[in-house]
Amino acid sequence: MSRNLYILGATLLLLSLVSCGLAWTRVAHAPGSPGDVSLWRTIASVLMLFALVAGVVGTLTSLFEQSSRRNAERSSRRRRGEQ
């Protein structure tokens, strides 16, 4: 599951960089363009925040999965009488 969260975070980060790039180019200043500069910067900030949250949740999920796996291995070794 953590791999999926990393992929989600990377995708959101890429979209955030594209939004930030649109805010700094002349595309957002042209008449008839979708939205204005502040809208593109807001979208970039929100997407960056979601990407960071997805990365942190992915890291925590990976840590908890590893801890659970090691605990299960340790308990199975104890049941078999090994140490």
PDB file of N, CA and C in Angstrom:
ATOM      1  N   MET A   1       0.824  -1.186   0.000  1.00  0.00           N
ATOM      2  CA  MET A   1       0.000   0.000   0.000  1.00  0.00           C
ATOM      3  C   MET A   1       0.876   1.260   0.000  1.00  0.00           C
ATOM      4  N   SER A   2       2.030   1.189   0.640  1.00  0.00           N
ATOM      5  CA  SER A   2       2.868   2.380   0.693  1.00  0.00           C
ATOM      6  C   SER A   2       3.375   2.764  -0.699  1.00  0.00           C
ATOM      7  N   ARG A   3       3.575   1.760  -1.560  1.00  0.00           N
ATOM      8  CA  ARG A   3       4.013   2.067  -2.928  1.00  0.00           C
ATOM      9  C   ARG A   3       2.955   2.881  -3.656  1.00  0.00           C
ATOM     10  N   ASN A   4       1.689   2.553  -3.441  1.00  0.00           N
ATOM     11  CA  ASN A   4       0.605   3.316  -4.069  1.00  0.00           C
ATOM     12  C   ASN A   4       0.587   4.755  -3.570  1.00  0.00           C
ATOM     13  N   LEU A   5       0.853   4.942  -2.292  1.00  0.00           N
ATOM     14  CA  LEU A   5       0.880   6.300  -1.748  1.00  0.00           C
ATOM     15  C   LEU A   5       2.067   7.088  -2.281  1.00  0.00           C
ATOM     16  N   TYR A   6       3.203   6.419  -2.481  1.00  0.00           N
ATOM     17  CA  TYR A   6       4.355   7.098  -3.079  1.00  0.00           C
ATOM     18  C   TYR A   6       4.046   7.521  -4.515  1.00  0.00           C
ATOM     19  N   ILE A   7       3.374   6.658  -5.261  1.00  0.00           N
ATOM     20  CA  ILE A   7       3.006   6.994  -6.638  1.00  0.00           C
ATOM     21  C   ILE A   7       2.020   8.154  -6.651  1.00  0.00           C
ATOM     22  N   LEU A   8       1.057   8.135  -5.737  1.00  0.00           N
ATOM     23  CA  LEU A   8       0.104   9.235  -5.631  1.00  0.00           C
ATOM     24  C   LEU A   8       0.818  10.538  -5.293  1.00  0.00           C
ATOM     25  N   GLY A   9       1.746  10.490  -4.338  1.00  0.00           N
ATOM     26  CA  GLY A   9       2.494  11.683  -3.959  1.00  0.00           C
ATOM     27  C   GLY A   9       3.319  12.227  -5.115  1.00  0.00           C
ATOM     28  N   ALA A  10       3.962  11.328  -5.882  1.00  0.00           N
ATOM     29  CA  ALA A  10       4.765  11.770  -7.024  1.00  0.00           C
ATOM     30  C   ALA A  10       3.894  12.392  -8.108  1.00  0.00           C
ATOM     31  N   THR A  11       2.728  11.816  -8.325  1.00  0.00           N
ATOM     32  CA  THR A  11       1.813  12.366  -9.329  1.00  0.00           C
ATOM     33  C   THR A  11       1.316  13.752  -8.913  1.00  0.00           C
ATOM     34  N   LEU A  12       0.946  13.879  -7.653  1.00  0.00           N
ATOM     35  CA  LEU A  12       0.489  15.182  -7.171  1.00  0.00           C
ATOM     36  C   LEU A  12       1.609  16.217  -7.204  1.00  0.00           C
ATOM     37  N   LEU A  13       2.830  15.789  -6.914  1.00  0.00           N
ATOM     38  CA  LEU A  13       3.962  16.700  -6.983  1.00  0.00           C
ATOM     39  C   LEU A  13       4.202  17.171  -8.411  1.00  0.00           C
ATOM     40  N   LEU A  14       4.105  16.258  -9.366  1.00  0.00           N
ATOM     41  CA  LEU A  14       4.274  16.627 -10.773  1.00  0.00           C
ATOM     42  C   LEU A  14       3.199  17.623 -11.208  1.00  0.00           C
ATOM     43  N   LEU A  15       1.948  17.364 -10.838  1.00  0.00           N
ATOM     44  CA  LEU A  15       0.874  18.291 -11.182  1.00  0.00           C
ATOM     45  C   LEU A  15       1.069  19.644 -10.492  1.00  0.00           C
ATOM     46  N   SER A  16       1.603  19.624  -9.277  1.00  0.00           N
ATOM     47  CA  SER A  16       1.883  20.870  -8.581  1.00  0.00           C
ATOM     48  C   SER A  16       2.952  21.674  -9.310  1.00  0.00           C
ATOM     49  N   LEU A  17       3.984  20.996  -9.784  1.00  0.00           N
ATOM     50  CA  LEU A  17       5.037  21.694 -10.529  1.00  0.00           C
ATOM     51  C   LEU A  17       4.517  22.261 -11.853  1.00  0.00           C
ATOM     52  N   VAL A  18       3.620  21.538 -12.499  1.00  0.00           N
ATOM     53  CA  VAL A  18       3.017  22.039 -13.738  1.00  0.00           C
ATOM     54  C   VAL A  18       2.181  23.285 -13.442  1.00  0.00           C
ATOM     55  N   SER A  19       1.400  23.242 -12.366  1.00  0.00           N
ATOM     56  CA  SER A  19       0.588  24.405 -11.990  1.00  0.00           C
ATOM     57  C   SER A  19       1.455  25.600 -11.640  1.00  0.00           C
ATOM     58  N   CYS A  20       2.540  25.336 -10.936  1.00  0.00           N
ATOM     59  CA  CYS A  20       3.463  26.419 -10.595  1.00  0.00           C
ATOM     60  C   CYS A  20       4.112  26.989 -11.855  1.00  0.00           C
ATOM     61  N   GLY A  21       4.459  26.127 -12.784  1.00  0.00           N
ATOM     62  CA  GLY A  21       5.027  26.587 -14.049  1.00  0.00           C
ATOM     63  C   GLY A  21       4.048  27.434 -14.840  1.00  0.00           C
ATOM     64  N   LEU A  22       2.778  27.051 -14.824  1.00  0.00           N
ATOM     65  CA  LEU A  22       1.765  27.845 -15.520  1.00  0.00           C
ATOM     66  C   LEU A  22       1.589  29.217 -14.872  1.00  0.00           C
ATOM     67  N   ALA A  23       1.772  29.288 -13.564  1.00  0.00           N
ATOM     68  CA  ALA A  23       1.630  30.571 -12.885  1.00  0.00           C
ATOM     69  C   ALA A  23       2.770  31.520 -13.248  1.00  0.00           C
ATOM     70  N   TRP A  24       3.950  30.998 -13.580  1.00  0.00           N
ATOM     71  CA  TRP A  24       5.101  31.841 -13.870  1.00  0.00           C
ATOM     72  C   TRP A  24       5.311  32.118 -15.354  1.00  0.00           C
ATOM     73  N   THR A  25       4.532  31.475 -16.208  1.00  0.00           N
ATOM     74  CA  THR A  25       4.653  31.737 -17.638  1.00  0.00           C
ATOM     75  C   THR A  25       3.591  32.735 -18.071  1.00  0.00           C
ATOM     76  N   ARG A  26       3.632  33.076 -19.313  1.00  0.00           N
ATOM     77  CA  ARG A  26       2.670  34.041 -19.845  1.00  0.00           C
ATOM     78  C   ARG A  26       1.314  33.407 -20.171  1.00  0.00           C
ATOM     79  N   VAL A  27       1.200  32.105 -20.028  1.00  0.00           N
ATOM     80  CA  VAL A  27      -0.069  31.433 -20.333  1.00  0.00           C
ATOM     81  C   VAL A  27      -1.168  31.918 -19.399  1.00  0.00           C
ATOM     82  N   ALA A  28      -0.847  32.066 -18.117  1.00  0.00           N
ATOM     83  CA  ALA A  28      -1.864  32.501 -17.160  1.00  0.00           C
ATOM     84  C   ALA A  28      -2.218  33.970 -17.325  1.00  0.00           C
ATOM     85  N   HIS A  29      -1.365  34.745 -17.975  1.00  0.00           N
ATOM     86  CA  HIS A  29      -1.632  36.172 -18.161  1.00  0.00           C
ATOM     87  C   HIS A  29      -2.407  36.463 -19.450  1.00  0.00           C
ATOM     88  N   ALA A  30      -2.511  35.489 -20.317  1.00  0.00           N
ATOM     89  CA  ALA A  30      -3.167  35.706 -21.602  1.00  0.00           C
ATOM     90  C   ALA A  30      -4.677  35.813 -21.419  1.00  0.00           C
ATOM     91  N   PRO A  31      -5.320  36.652 -22.228  1.00  0.00           N
ATOM     92  CA  PRO A  31      -6.779  36.746 -22.139  1.00  0.00           C
ATOM     93  C   PRO A  31      -7.427  35.440 -22.596  1.00  0.00           C
ATOM     94  N   GLY A  32      -8.422  35.029 -21.862  1.00  0.00           N
ATOM     95  CA  GLY A  32      -9.134  33.802 -22.188  1.00  0.00           C
ATOM     96  C   GLY A  32      -8.503  32.553 -21.590  1.00  0.00           C
ATOM     97  N   SER A  33      -7.446  32.718 -20.820  1.00  0.00           N
ATOM     98  CA  SER A  33      -6.812  31.549 -20.196  1.00  0.00           C
ATOM     99  C   SER A  33      -7.631  31.121 -18.982  1.00  0.00           C
ATOM    100  N   PRO A  34      -7.533  29.837 -18.616  1.00  0.00           N
ATOM    101  CA  PRO A  34      -8.327  29.352 -17.480  1.00  0.00           C
ATOM    102  C   PRO A  34      -7.780  29.868 -16.148  1.00  0.00           C
ATOM    103  N   GLY A  35      -8.504  30.753 -15.535  1.00  0.00           N
ATOM    104  CA  GLY A  35      -8.104  31.272 -14.234  1.00  0.00           C
ATOM    105  C   GLY A  35      -7.054  32.349 -14.322  1.00  0.00           C
ATOM    106  N   ASP A  36      -6.622  32.802 -13.174  1.00  0.00           N
ATOM    107  CA  ASP A  36      -5.574  33.817 -13.135  1.00  0.00           C
ATOM    108  C   ASP A  36      -4.372  33.271 -12.363  1.00  0.00           C
ATOM    109  N   VAL A  37      -3.368  34.087 -12.175  1.00  0.00           N
ATOM    110  CA  VAL A  37      -2.109  33.648 -11.570  1.00  0.00           C
ATOM    111  C   VAL A  37      -2.317  33.172 -10.137  1.00  0.00           C
ATOM    112  N   SER A  38      -3.102  33.899  -9.368  1.00  0.00           N
ATOM    113  CA  SER A  38      -3.294  33.505  -7.963  1.00  0.00           C
ATOM    114  C   SER A  38      -4.000  32.153  -7.859  1.00  0.00           C
ATOM    115  N   LEU A  39      -4.901  31.858  -8.800  1.00  0.00           N
ATOM    116  CA  LEU A  39      -5.568  30.558  -8.796  1.00  0.00           C
ATOM    117  C   LEU A  39      -4.574  29.436  -9.066  1.00  0.00           C
ATOM    118  N   TRP A  40      -3.673  29.623 -10.046  1.00  0.00           N
ATOM    119  CA  TRP A  40      -2.669  28.597 -10.352  1.00  0.00           C
ATOM    120  C   TRP A  40      -1.714  28.401  -9.183  1.00  0.00           C
ATOM    121  N   ARG A  41      -1.336  29.478  -8.517  1.00  0.00           N
ATOM    122  CA  ARG A  41      -0.435  29.355  -7.364  1.00  0.00           C
ATOM    123  C   ARG A  41      -1.125  28.660  -6.201  1.00  0.00           C
ATOM    124  N   THR A  42      -2.408  28.935  -6.005  1.00  0.00           N
ATOM    125  CA  THR A  42      -3.165  28.269  -4.950  1.00  0.00           C
ATOM    126  C   THR A  42      -3.287  26.779  -5.240  1.00  0.00           C
ATOM    127  N   ILE A  43      -3.590  26.447  -6.483  1.00  0.00           N
ATOM    128  CA  ILE A  43      -3.685  25.032  -6.872  1.00  0.00           C
ATOM    129  C   ILE A  43      -2.348  24.337  -6.660  1.00  0.00           C
ATOM    130  N   ALA A  44      -1.258  24.997  -7.033  1.00  0.00           N
ATOM    131  CA  ALA A  44       0.076  24.415  -6.850  1.00  0.00           C
ATOM    132  C   ALA A  44       0.364  24.186  -5.370  1.00  0.00           C
ATOM    133  N   SER A  45       0.007  25.124  -4.522  1.00  0.00           N
ATOM    134  CA  SER A  45       0.253  24.981  -3.083  1.00  0.00           C
ATOM    135  C   SER A  45      -0.559  23.836  -2.486  1.00  0.00           C
ATOM    136  N   VAL A  46      -1.817  23.751  -2.871  1.00  0.00           N
ATOM    137  CA  VAL A  46      -2.682  22.692  -2.337  1.00  0.00           C
ATOM    138  C   VAL A  46      -2.204  21.318  -2.811  1.00  0.00           C
ATOM    139  N   LEU A  47      -1.841  21.207  -4.081  1.00  0.00           N
ATOM    140  CA  LEU A  47      -1.346  19.926  -4.586  1.00  0.00           C
ATOM    141  C   LEU A  47      -0.031  19.537  -3.922  1.00  0.00           C
ATOM    142  N   MET A  48       0.832  20.515  -3.665  1.00  0.00           N
ATOM    143  CA  MET A  48       2.097  20.239  -2.975  1.00  0.00           C
ATOM    144  C   MET A  48       1.833  19.742  -1.558  1.00  0.00           C
ATOM    145  N   LEU A  49       0.882  20.355  -0.882  1.00  0.00           N
ATOM    146  CA  LEU A  49       0.536  19.930   0.474  1.00  0.00           C
ATOM    147  C   LEU A  49       0.018  18.494   0.470  1.00  0.00           C
ATOM    148  N   PHE A  50      -0.869  18.166  -0.472  1.00  0.00           N
ATOM    149  CA  PHE A  50      -1.398  16.806  -0.558  1.00  0.00           C
ATOM    150  C   PHE A  50      -0.298  15.801  -0.906  1.00  0.00           C
ATOM    151  N   ALA A  51       0.654  16.205  -1.747  1.00  0.00           N
ATOM    152  CA  ALA A  51       1.766  15.321  -2.095  1.00  0.00           C
ATOM    153  C   ALA A  51       2.625  15.037  -0.871  1.00  0.00           C
ATOM    154  N   LEU A  52       2.893  16.060  -0.077  1.00  0.00           N
ATOM    155  CA  LEU A  52       3.675  15.861   1.139  1.00  0.00           C
ATOM    156  C   LEU A  52       2.952  14.970   2.139  1.00  0.00           C
ATOM    157  N   VAL A  53       1.657  15.162   2.285  1.00  0.00           N
ATOM    158  CA  VAL A  53       0.875  14.318   3.187  1.00  0.00           C
ATOM    159  C   VAL A  53       0.878  12.869   2.706  1.00  0.00           C
ATOM    160  N   ALA A  54       0.717  12.656   1.411  1.00  0.00           N
ATOM    161  CA  ALA A  54       0.739  11.291   0.871  1.00  0.00           C
ATOM    162  C   ALA A  54       2.102  10.645   1.093  1.00  0.00           C
ATOM    163  N   GLY A  55       3.168  11.407   0.955  1.00  0.00           N
ATOM    164  CA  GLY A  55       4.504  10.869   1.204  1.00  0.00           C
ATOM    165  C   GLY A  55       4.715  10.486   2.659  1.00  0.00           C
ATOM    166  N   VAL A  56       4.264  11.319   3.572  1.00  0.00           N
ATOM    167  CA  VAL A  56       4.405  11.017   5.000  1.00  0.00           C
ATOM    168  C   VAL A  56       3.561   9.799   5.379  1.00  0.00           C
ATOM    169  N   VAL A  57       2.339   9.733   4.894  1.00  0.00           N
ATOM    170  CA  VAL A  57       1.478   8.589   5.193  1.00  0.00           C
ATOM    171  C   VAL A  57       2.071   7.315   4.583  1.00  0.00           C
ATOM    172  N   GLY A  58       2.635   7.404   3.391  1.00  0.00           N
ATOM    173  CA  GLY A  58       3.286   6.247   2.782  1.00  0.00           C
ATOM    174  C   GLY A  58       4.472   5.774   3.594  1.00  0.00           C
ATOM    175  N   THR A  59       5.264   6.695   4.111  1.00  0.00           N
ATOM    176  CA  THR A  59       6.408   6.334   4.943  1.00  0.00           C
ATOM    177  C   THR A  59       5.958   5.678   6.241  1.00  0.00           C
ATOM    178  N   LEU A  60       4.958   6.249   6.890  1.00  0.00           N
ATOM    179  CA  LEU A  60       4.454   5.665   8.130  1.00  0.00           C
ATOM    180  C   LEU A  60       3.835   4.290   7.896  1.00  0.00           C
ATOM    181  N   THR A  61       3.121   4.136   6.798  1.00  0.00           N
ATOM    182  CA  THR A  61       2.538   2.839   6.466  1.00  0.00           C
ATOM    183  C   THR A  61       3.623   1.802   6.253  1.00  0.00           C
ATOM    184  N   SER A  62       4.683   2.178   5.569  1.00  0.00           N
ATOM    185  CA  SER A  62       5.796   1.261   5.337  1.00  0.00           C
ATOM    186  C   SER A  62       6.456   0.861   6.657  1.00  0.00           C
ATOM    187  N   LEU A  63       6.641   1.808   7.557  1.00  0.00           N
ATOM    188  CA  LEU A  63       7.243   1.502   8.855  1.00  0.00           C
ATOM    189  C   LEU A  63       6.372   0.559   9.672  1.00  0.00           C
ATOM    190  N   PHE A  64       5.064   0.796   9.697  1.00  0.00           N
ATOM    191  CA  PHE A  64       4.172  -0.069  10.459  1.00  0.00           C
ATOM    192  C   PHE A  64       4.070  -1.462   9.845  1.00  0.00           C
ATOM    193  N   GLU A  65       4.092  -1.558   8.507  1.00  0.00           N
ATOM    194  CA  GLU A  65       4.077  -2.872   7.862  1.00  0.00           C
ATOM    195  C   GLU A  65       5.339  -3.655   8.201  1.00  0.00           C
ATOM    196  N   GLN A  66       6.477  -2.981   8.186  1.00  0.00           N
ATOM    197  CA  GLN A  66       7.733  -3.644   8.520  1.00  0.00           C
ATOM    198  C   GLN A  66       7.734  -4.101   9.978  1.00  0.00           C
ATOM    199  N   SER A  67       7.248  -3.279  10.872  1.00  0.00           N
ATOM    200  CA  SER A  67       7.181  -3.644  12.284  1.00  0.00           C
ATOM    201  C   SER A  67       6.252  -4.834  12.499  1.00  0.00           C
ATOM    202  N   SER A  68       5.120  -4.831  11.837  1.00  0.00           N
ATOM    203  CA  SER A  68       4.180  -5.937  11.957  1.00  0.00           C
ATOM    204  C   SER A  68       4.773  -7.230  11.409  1.00  0.00           C
ATOM    205  N   ARG A  69       5.478  -7.141  10.296  1.00  0.00           N
ATOM    206  CA  ARG A  69       6.099  -8.322   9.692  1.00  0.00           C
ATOM    207  C   ARG A  69       7.178  -8.902  10.608  1.00  0.00           C
ATOM    208  N   ARG A  70       7.999  -8.041  11.189  1.00  0.00           N
ATOM    209  CA  ARG A  70       9.043  -8.514  12.096  1.00  0.00           C
ATOM    210  C   ARG A  70       8.456  -9.119  13.364  1.00  0.00           C
ATOM    211  N   ASN A  71       7.381  -8.547  13.864  1.00  0.00           N
ATOM    212  CA  ASN A  71       6.721  -9.091  15.045  1.00  0.00           C
ATOM    213  C   ASN A  71       6.148 -10.470  14.747  1.00  0.00           C
ATOM    214  N   ALA A  72       5.557 -10.644  13.562  1.00  0.00           N
ATOM    215  CA  ALA A  72       5.005 -11.947  13.190  1.00  0.00           C
ATOM    216  C   ALA A  72       6.118 -12.984  13.031  1.00  0.00           C
ATOM    217  N   GLU A  73       7.252 -12.589  12.450  1.00  0.00           N
ATOM    218  CA  GLU A  73       8.380 -13.512  12.319  1.00  0.00           C
ATOM    219  C   GLU A  73       8.931 -13.903  13.690  1.00  0.00           C
ATOM    220  N   ARG A  74       9.032 -12.947  14.580  1.00  0.00           N
ATOM    221  CA  ARG A  74       9.543 -13.220  15.924  1.00  0.00           C
ATOM    222  C   ARG A  74       8.625 -14.171  16.673  1.00  0.00           C
ATOM    223  N   SER A  75       7.315 -13.962  16.583  1.00  0.00           N
ATOM    224  CA  SER A  75       6.382 -14.842  17.293  1.00  0.00           C
ATOM    225  C   SER A  75       6.363 -16.240  16.688  1.00  0.00           C
ATOM    226  N   SER A  76       6.541 -16.360  15.376  1.00  0.00           N
ATOM    227  CA  SER A  76       6.569 -17.703  14.776  1.00  0.00           C
ATOM    228  C   SER A  76       7.847 -18.445  15.177  1.00  0.00           C
ATOM    229  N   ARG A  77       8.965 -17.719  15.325  1.00  0.00           N
ATOM    230  CA  ARG A  77      10.198 -18.353  15.797  1.00  0.00           C
ATOM    231  C   ARG A  77      10.061 -18.809  17.244  1.00  0.00           C
ATOM    232  N   ARG A  78       9.378 -18.036  18.053  1.00  0.00           N
ATOM    233  CA  ARG A  78       9.180 -18.431  19.442  1.00  0.00           C
ATOM    234  C   ARG A  78       8.308 -19.662  19.542  1.00  0.00           C
ATOM    235  N   ARG A  79       7.308 -19.766  18.692  1.00  0.00           N
ATOM    236  CA  ARG A  79       6.431 -20.944  18.705  1.00  0.00           C
ATOM    237  C   ARG A  79       7.192 -22.199  18.311  1.00  0.00           C
ATOM    238  N   ARG A  80       8.136 -22.060  17.405  1.00  0.00           N
ATOM    239  CA  ARG A  80       8.931 -23.207  16.963  1.00  0.00           C
ATOM    240  C   ARG A  80      10.043 -23.542  17.952  1.00  0.00           C
ATOM    241  N   GLY A  81      10.283 -22.687  18.917  1.00  0.00           N
ATOM    242  CA  GLY A  81      11.310 -22.949  19.916  1.00  0.00           C
ATOM    243  C   GLY A  81      12.661 -22.403  19.552  1.00  0.00           C
ATOM    244  N   GLU A  82      12.760 -21.620  18.492  1.00  0.00           N
ATOM    245  CA  GLU A  82      14.020 -21.027  18.101  1.00  0.00           C
ATOM    246  C   GLU A  82      14.166 -19.647  18.713  1.00  0.00           C
ATOM    247  N   GLN A  83      15.386 -19.157  18.679  1.00  0.00           N
ATOM    248  CA  GLN A  83      15.592 -17.775  19.094  1.00  0.00           C
ATOM    249  C   GLN A  83      16.623 -17.103  18.334  1.00  0.00           C
TER     250      GLN A  83
END
